[in-house]
C-alpha atoms as a PDB file:
ATOM      1  CA  MET A   1      30.903  30.548  36.553  1.00  0.00           C
ATOM      2  CA  SER A   2      28.139  33.104  36.988  1.00  0.00           C
ATOM      3  CA  ASP A   3      28.061  35.521  39.934  1.00  0.00           C
ATOM      4  CA  GLU A   4      24.886  33.804  41.132  1.00  0.00           C
ATOM      5  CA  VAL A   5      26.586  30.394  41.254  1.00  0.00           C
ATOM      6  CA  SER A   6      29.717  31.889  42.869  1.00  0.00           C
ATOM      7  CA  SER A   7      27.737  33.568  45.624  1.00  0.00           C
ATOM      8  CA  ARG A   8      25.558  30.494  46.010  1.00  0.00           C
ATOM      9  CA  ARG A   9      28.620  28.298  46.503  1.00  0.00           C
ATOM     10  CA  SER A  10      30.545  30.734  48.722  1.00  0.00           C
ATOM     11  CA  ARG A  11      28.425  29.977  51.812  1.00  0.00           C
ATOM     12  CA  ILE A  12      30.143  26.670  52.439  1.00  0.00           C
ATOM     13  CA  THR A  13      33.673  26.122  53.729  1.00  0.00           C
ATOM     14  CA  PRO A  14      36.157  24.179  51.582  1.00  0.00           C
ATOM     15  CA  GLU A  15      36.370  21.512  54.307  1.00  0.00           C
ATOM     16  CA  ARG A  16      32.601  21.074  54.394  1.00  0.00           C
ATOM     17  CA  GLU A  17      32.469  21.000  50.593  1.00  0.00           C
ATOM     18  CA  ALA A  18      35.118  18.250  50.522  1.00  0.00           C
ATOM     19  CA  GLU A  19      33.135  16.304  53.127  1.00  0.00           C
ATOM     20  CA  LEU A  20      29.960  16.600  51.058  1.00  0.00           C
ATOM     21  CA  HIS A  21      31.753  15.590  47.869  1.00  0.00           C
ATOM     22  CA  GLY A  22      33.258  12.562  49.607  1.00  0.00           C
ATOM     23  CA  ALA A  23      29.828  11.490  50.837  1.00  0.00           C
ATOM     24  CA  VAL A  24      28.369  11.837  47.328  1.00  0.00           C
ATOM     25  CA  LEU A  25      31.133   9.659  45.853  1.00  0.00           C
ATOM     26  CA  ASP A  26      30.704   7.057  48.607  1.00  0.00           C
ATOM     27  CA  LEU A  27      26.970   6.908  47.923  1.00  0.00           C
ATOM     28  CA  LEU A  28      27.584   6.650  44.181  1.00  0.00           C
ATOM     29  CA  ARG A  29      29.847   3.661  44.759  1.00  0.00           C
ATOM     30  CA  GLU A  30      27.262   2.070  47.050  1.00  0.00           C
ATOM     31  CA  VAL A  31      24.032   2.585  45.086  1.00  0.00           C
ATOM     32  CA  GLY A  32      24.902   3.944  41.625  1.00  0.00           C
ATOM     33  CA  TYR A  33      23.759   7.151  39.976  1.00  0.00           C
ATOM     34  CA  GLU A  34      20.162   6.162  39.286  1.00  0.00           C
ATOM     35  CA  ALA A  35      19.483   5.262  42.944  1.00  0.00           C
ATOM     36  CA  LEU A  36      21.392   8.226  44.352  1.00  0.00           C
ATOM     37  CA  THR A  37      18.970  10.785  45.785  1.00  0.00           C
ATOM     38  CA  MET A  38      19.414  14.228  47.264  1.00  0.00           C
ATOM     39  CA  ASP A  39      17.527  12.866  50.302  1.00  0.00           C
ATOM     40  CA  ALA A  40      20.218  10.214  50.791  1.00  0.00           C
ATOM     41  CA  VAL A  41      23.001  12.790  50.395  1.00  0.00           C
ATOM     42  CA  ALA A  42      21.247  15.104  52.870  1.00  0.00           C
ATOM     43  CA  THR A  43      20.905  12.284  55.392  1.00  0.00           C
ATOM     44  CA  ARG A  44      24.493  11.092  54.965  1.00  0.00           C
ATOM     45  CA  THR A  45      25.909  14.610  55.288  1.00  0.00           C
ATOM     46  CA  ARG A  46      23.489  15.875  57.938  1.00  0.00           C
ATOM     47  CA  SER A  47      22.400  18.752  55.742  1.00  0.00           C
ATOM     48  CA  SER A  48      19.106  19.797  54.247  1.00  0.00           C
ATOM     49  CA  LYS A  49      18.021  19.130  50.695  1.00  0.00           C
ATOM     50  CA  ALA A  50      17.435  22.866  50.360  1.00  0.00           C
ATOM     51  CA  THR A  51      21.097  23.487  51.207  1.00  0.00           C
ATOM     52  CA  LEU A  52      22.226  20.937  48.627  1.00  0.00           C
ATOM     53  CA  TYR A  53      20.069  22.447  45.906  1.00  0.00           C
ATOM     54  CA  ARG A  54      21.113  25.977  46.875  1.00  0.00           C
ATOM     55  CA  GLN A  55      24.815  25.050  46.746  1.00  0.00           C
ATOM     56  CA  TRP A  56      24.817  22.792  43.666  1.00  0.00           C
ATOM     57  CA  GLY A  57      21.544  23.332  41.849  1.00  0.00           C
ATOM     58  CA  SER A  58      20.980  19.731  40.794  1.00  0.00           C
ATOM     59  CA  LYS A  59      21.999  16.131  41.339  1.00  0.00           C
ATOM     60  CA  PRO A  60      24.035  16.026  38.079  1.00  0.00           C
ATOM     61  CA  GLU A  61      25.995  19.147  39.058  1.00  0.00           C
ATOM     62  CA  LEU A  62      26.632  17.784  42.548  1.00  0.00           C
ATOM     63  CA  VAL A  63      27.946  14.503  41.101  1.00  0.00           C
ATOM     64  CA  ALA A  64      30.135  16.250  38.511  1.00  0.00           C
ATOM     65  CA  ARG A  65      31.608  18.618  41.110  1.00  0.00           C
ATOM     66  CA  ALA A  66      32.245  15.720  43.479  1.00  0.00           C
ATOM     67  CA  LEU A  67      34.181  13.917  40.748  1.00  0.00           C
ATOM     68  CA  ARG A  68      36.030  17.114  39.876  1.00  0.00           C
ATOM     69  CA  CYS A  69      37.259  17.481  43.455  1.00  0.00           C
ATOM     70  CA  THR A  70      39.173  14.192  43.152  1.00  0.00           C
ATOM     71  CA  GLN A  71      41.457  15.671  40.491  1.00  0.00           C
ATOM     72  CA  PRO A  72      44.835  16.325  42.160  1.00  0.00           C
ATOM     73  CA  VAL A  73      45.638  19.475  40.178  1.00  0.00           C
ATOM     74  CA  PRO A  74      44.065  21.088  37.112  1.00  0.00           C
ATOM     75  CA  LEU A  75      46.103  20.289  33.998  1.00  0.00           C
ATOM     76  CA  ALA A  76      46.095  23.989  33.065  1.00  0.00           C
ATOM     77  CA  GLU A  77      48.229  24.670  36.160  1.00  0.00           C
ATOM     78  CA  ILE A  78      51.020  22.284  35.110  1.00  0.00           C
ATOM     79  CA  ASP A  79      53.823  24.095  33.290  1.00  0.00           C
ATOM     80  CA  THR A  80      57.350  22.791  33.841  1.00  0.00           C
ATOM     81  CA  GLY A  81      58.806  24.256  30.650  1.00  0.00           C
ATOM     82  CA  SER A  82      58.774  20.998  28.685  1.00  0.00           C
ATOM     83  CA  LEU A  83      56.150  18.552  27.501  1.00  0.00           C
ATOM     84  CA  ARG A  84      58.004  15.615  29.052  1.00  0.00           C
ATOM     85  CA  GLY A  85      58.158  17.494  32.337  1.00  0.00           C
ATOM     86  CA  ASP A  86      54.461  18.420  32.154  1.00  0.00           C
ATOM     87  CA  PHE A  87      53.355  14.846  31.512  1.00  0.00           C
ATOM     88  CA  GLY A  88      55.810  13.590  34.141  1.00  0.00           C
ATOM     89  CA  LEU A  89      54.316  15.948  36.729  1.00  0.00           C
ATOM     90  CA  MET A  90      50.797  14.952  35.679  1.00  0.00           C
ATOM     91  CA  VAL A  91      51.698  11.314  36.367  1.00  0.00           C
ATOM     92  CA  GLN A  92      53.473  12.215  39.602  1.00  0.00           C
ATOM     93  CA  TYR A  93      50.386  14.065  40.889  1.00  0.00           C
ATOM     94  CA  SER A  94      48.214  11.044  40.112  1.00  0.00           C
ATOM     95  CA  ASP A  95      47.205   8.818  42.998  1.00  0.00           C
ATOM     96  CA  ASP A  96      46.982   5.083  42.281  1.00  0.00           C
ATOM     97  CA  ALA A  97      44.187   4.415  44.788  1.00  0.00           C
ATOM     98  CA  GLN A  98      42.162   7.415  43.612  1.00  0.00           C
ATOM     99  CA  MET A  99      42.598   6.475  39.932  1.00  0.00           C
ATOM    100  CA  ALA A 100      41.340   2.955  40.687  1.00  0.00           C
ATOM    101  CA  LYS A 101      38.286   4.313  42.509  1.00  0.00           C
ATOM    102  CA  ASP A 102      37.598   6.941  39.840  1.00  0.00           C
ATOM    103  CA  THR A 103      37.954   4.454  36.985  1.00  0.00           C
ATOM    104  CA  ALA A 104      35.449   2.095  38.585  1.00  0.00           C
ATOM    105  CA  LEU A 105      33.098   4.969  39.348  1.00  0.00           C
ATOM    106  CA  LEU A 106      33.250   6.414  35.832  1.00  0.00           C
ATOM    107  CA  ARG A 107      32.640   2.965  34.386  1.00  0.00           C
ATOM    108  CA  GLY A 108      29.532   2.773  36.539  1.00  0.00           C
ATOM    109  CA  LEU A 109      28.412   6.213  35.367  1.00  0.00           C
ATOM    110  CA  ALA A 110      28.781   5.329  31.674  1.00  0.00           C
ATOM    111  CA  HIS A 111      25.229   4.000  31.410  1.00  0.00           C
ATOM    112  CA  ALA A 112      23.793   6.882  33.414  1.00  0.00           C
ATOM    113  CA  VAL A 113      25.435   9.394  31.062  1.00  0.00           C
ATOM    114  CA  HIS A 114      23.574   7.861  28.119  1.00  0.00           C
ATOM    115  CA  GLU A 115      20.287   7.940  30.018  1.00  0.00           C
ATOM    116  CA  SER A 116      20.639  11.434  31.501  1.00  0.00           C
ATOM    117  CA  PRO A 117      21.427  14.384  29.225  1.00  0.00           C
ATOM    118  CA  GLU A 118      21.683  16.568  32.347  1.00  0.00           C
ATOM    119  CA  LEU A 119      24.411  14.348  33.818  1.00  0.00           C
ATOM    120  CA  HIS A 120      26.215  14.231  30.486  1.00  0.00           C
ATOM    121  CA  LYS A 121      26.185  18.031  30.245  1.00  0.00           C
ATOM    122  CA  ALA A 122      27.308  18.501  33.856  1.00  0.00           C
ATOM    123  CA  LEU A 123      30.205  16.043  33.433  1.00  0.00           C
ATOM    124  CA  ARG A 124      31.270  17.690  30.161  1.00  0.00           C
ATOM    125  CA  ASP A 125      31.027  21.229  31.545  1.00  0.00           C
ATOM    126  CA  LEU A 126      32.567  20.648  34.966  1.00  0.00           C
ATOM    127  CA  LEU A 127      34.923  17.699  34.506  1.00  0.00           C
ATOM    128  CA  VAL A 128      35.765  16.925  30.881  1.00  0.00           C
ATOM    129  CA  GLU A 129      36.039  20.397  29.311  1.00  0.00           C
ATOM    130  CA  PRO A 130      38.395  21.850  31.956  1.00  0.00           C
ATOM    131  CA  GLU A 131      40.732  18.873  31.552  1.00  0.00           C
ATOM    132  CA  LEU A 132      40.552  19.002  27.749  1.00  0.00           C
ATOM    133  CA  ASN A 133      41.321  22.717  27.841  1.00  0.00           C
ATOM    134  CA  GLY A 134      44.240  22.066  30.195  1.00  0.00           C
ATOM    135  CA  MET A 135      45.592  19.316  27.930  1.00  0.00           C
ATOM    136  CA  GLN A 136      45.241  21.549  24.856  1.00  0.00           C
ATOM    137  CA  LEU A 137      47.084  24.354  26.664  1.00  0.00           C
ATOM    138  CA  MET A 138      49.875  21.952  27.607  1.00  0.00           C
ATOM    139  CA  LEU A 139      50.172  20.753  24.003  1.00  0.00           C
ATOM    140  CA  GLN A 140      49.976  24.305  22.587  1.00  0.00           C
ATOM    141  CA  ARG A 141      52.904  25.356  24.782  1.00  0.00           C
ATOM    142  CA  ALA A 142      54.870  22.360  23.460  1.00  0.00           C
ATOM    143  CA  VAL A 143      54.150  23.505  19.888  1.00  0.00           C
ATOM    144  CA  GLU A 144      55.198  27.078  20.737  1.00  0.00           C
ATOM    145  CA  ARG A 145      58.462  25.793  22.265  1.00  0.00           C
ATOM    146  CA  GLY A 146      59.149  23.763  19.112  1.00  0.00           C
ATOM    147  CA  GLU A 147      58.872  20.384  20.863  1.00  0.00           C
ATOM    148  CA  VAL A 148      55.953  19.263  18.692  1.00  0.00           C
ATOM    149  CA  SER A 149      55.333  20.157  15.060  1.00  0.00           C
ATOM    150  CA  PRO A 150      52.223  22.325  14.660  1.00  0.00           C
ATOM    151  CA  ASP A 151      51.019  20.042  11.852  1.00  0.00           C
ATOM    152  CA  CYS A 152      51.462  16.819  13.864  1.00  0.00           C
ATOM    153  CA  PRO A 153      48.296  14.802  13.166  1.00  0.00           C
ATOM    154  CA  ALA A 154      48.393  13.193  16.619  1.00  0.00           C
ATOM    155  CA  LEU A 155      47.922  16.515  18.470  1.00  0.00           C
ATOM    156  CA  GLU A 156      44.146  16.490  18.389  1.00  0.00           C
ATOM    157  CA  PHE A 157      43.953  12.830  19.458  1.00  0.00           C
ATOM    158  CA  VAL A 158      46.114  12.908  22.616  1.00  0.00           C
ATOM    159  CA  PRO A 159      43.116  13.232  24.974  1.00  0.00           C
ATOM    160  CA  HIS A 160      41.337  10.398  23.163  1.00  0.00           C
ATOM    161  CA  VAL A 161      44.381   8.142  23.471  1.00  0.00           C
ATOM    162  CA  ILE A 162      44.837   8.823  27.184  1.00  0.00           C
ATOM    163  CA  VAL A 163      41.144   8.325  27.978  1.00  0.00           C
ATOM    164  CA  GLY A 164      41.288   5.159  25.880  1.00  0.00           C
ATOM    165  CA  ALA A 165      44.043   3.794  28.106  1.00  0.00           C
ATOM    166  CA  PHE A 166      41.837   4.235  31.171  1.00  0.00           C
ATOM    167  CA  ILE A 167      39.071   2.288  29.454  1.00  0.00           C
ATOM    168  CA  ALA A 168      41.173  -0.378  27.742  1.00  0.00           C
ATOM    169  CA  LEU A 169      43.468  -1.502  30.561  1.00  0.00           C
ATOM    170  CA  PRO A 170      40.668  -2.695  32.871  1.00  0.00           C
ATOM    171  CA  LEU A 171      38.993  -4.456  29.927  1.00  0.00           C
ATOM    172  CA  ILE A 172      42.129  -6.096  28.602  1.00  0.00           C
ATOM    173  CA  GLU A 173      44.095  -6.828  31.781  1.00  0.00           C
ATOM    174  CA  ASP A 174      41.384  -6.561  34.452  1.00  0.00           C
ATOM    175  CA  ARG A 175      43.309  -3.964  36.456  1.00  0.00           C
ATOM    176  CA  PRO A 176      43.020  -0.214  36.882  1.00  0.00           C
ATOM    177  CA  VAL A 177      45.464   2.320  35.526  1.00  0.00           C
ATOM    178  CA  ASP A 178      48.244   3.250  37.933  1.00  0.00           C
ATOM    179  CA  ARG A 179      51.144   5.699  37.752  1.00  0.00           C
ATOM    180  CA  ALA A 180      53.594   3.072  36.487  1.00  0.00           C
ATOM    181  CA  PHE A 181      51.310   2.069  33.611  1.00  0.00           C
ATOM    182  CA  LEU A 182      50.412   5.676  32.796  1.00  0.00           C
ATOM    183  CA  GLY A 183      54.082   6.701  32.640  1.00  0.00           C
ATOM    184  CA  GLU A 184      55.000   3.737  30.430  1.00  0.00           C
ATOM    185  CA  PHE A 185      51.979   4.350  28.194  1.00  0.00           C
ATOM    186  CA  ILE A 186      52.848   8.005  27.678  1.00  0.00           C
ATOM    187  CA  ASP A 187      56.493   7.132  26.905  1.00  0.00           C
ATOM    188  CA  ALA A 188      55.605   4.287  24.534  1.00  0.00           C
ATOM    189  CA  VAL A 189      52.524   5.691  22.794  1.00  0.00           C
ATOM    190  CA  VAL A 190      51.885   9.410  23.329  1.00  0.00           C
ATOM    191  CA  PHE A 191      55.409  10.817  22.924  1.00  0.00           C
ATOM    192  CA  PRO A 192      56.258   8.783  19.801  1.00  0.00           C
ATOM    193  CA  ALA A 193      52.927   9.801  18.224  1.00  0.00           C
ATOM    194  CA  LEU A 194      53.829  13.449  18.894  1.00  0.00           C
ATOM    195  CA  GLY A 195      57.401  13.026  17.642  1.00  0.00           C
ATOM    196  CA  VAL A 196      58.859  13.843  21.063  1.00  0.00           C
END
């Protein structure tokens, strides 16, 4: 993050930032991305549009940061000393209600991502890339510990498989992913693919 963005964002308290992010997500659920306006966010949060633009720069960045704040803990921070422990803690940190809300919200944003390159870039930069980097770090540590073979062909596809579960379960069974499903999925699909 640049110094300009850091100083721009430092003027707001973490509590106020969480309140603003919550309001953005509520509005997204109510009206969708296309109809979401900075005016509506300003009204809902009793702040000025100038403040919103000064703090976040753009609607896509505000949306991506709001989604990012729902993540319980960055994957890069999880290090239990074993891959099973890392994935177990990842599942444990997950919140069933939040995953259901996020899954529905991301499904709603899918069309907007295709229509808005700015939203796509903001989501990749602020939400997807940090989680991919965290997952890769987790897997790299497993390789270094000898838990996973460095030439395991499944290594590069773990993020794809996990994201696929979040998309497939609602389509196939008409229910959101929860901790029980995620734990079973990792045990039945991810670990065997990695040879763990």
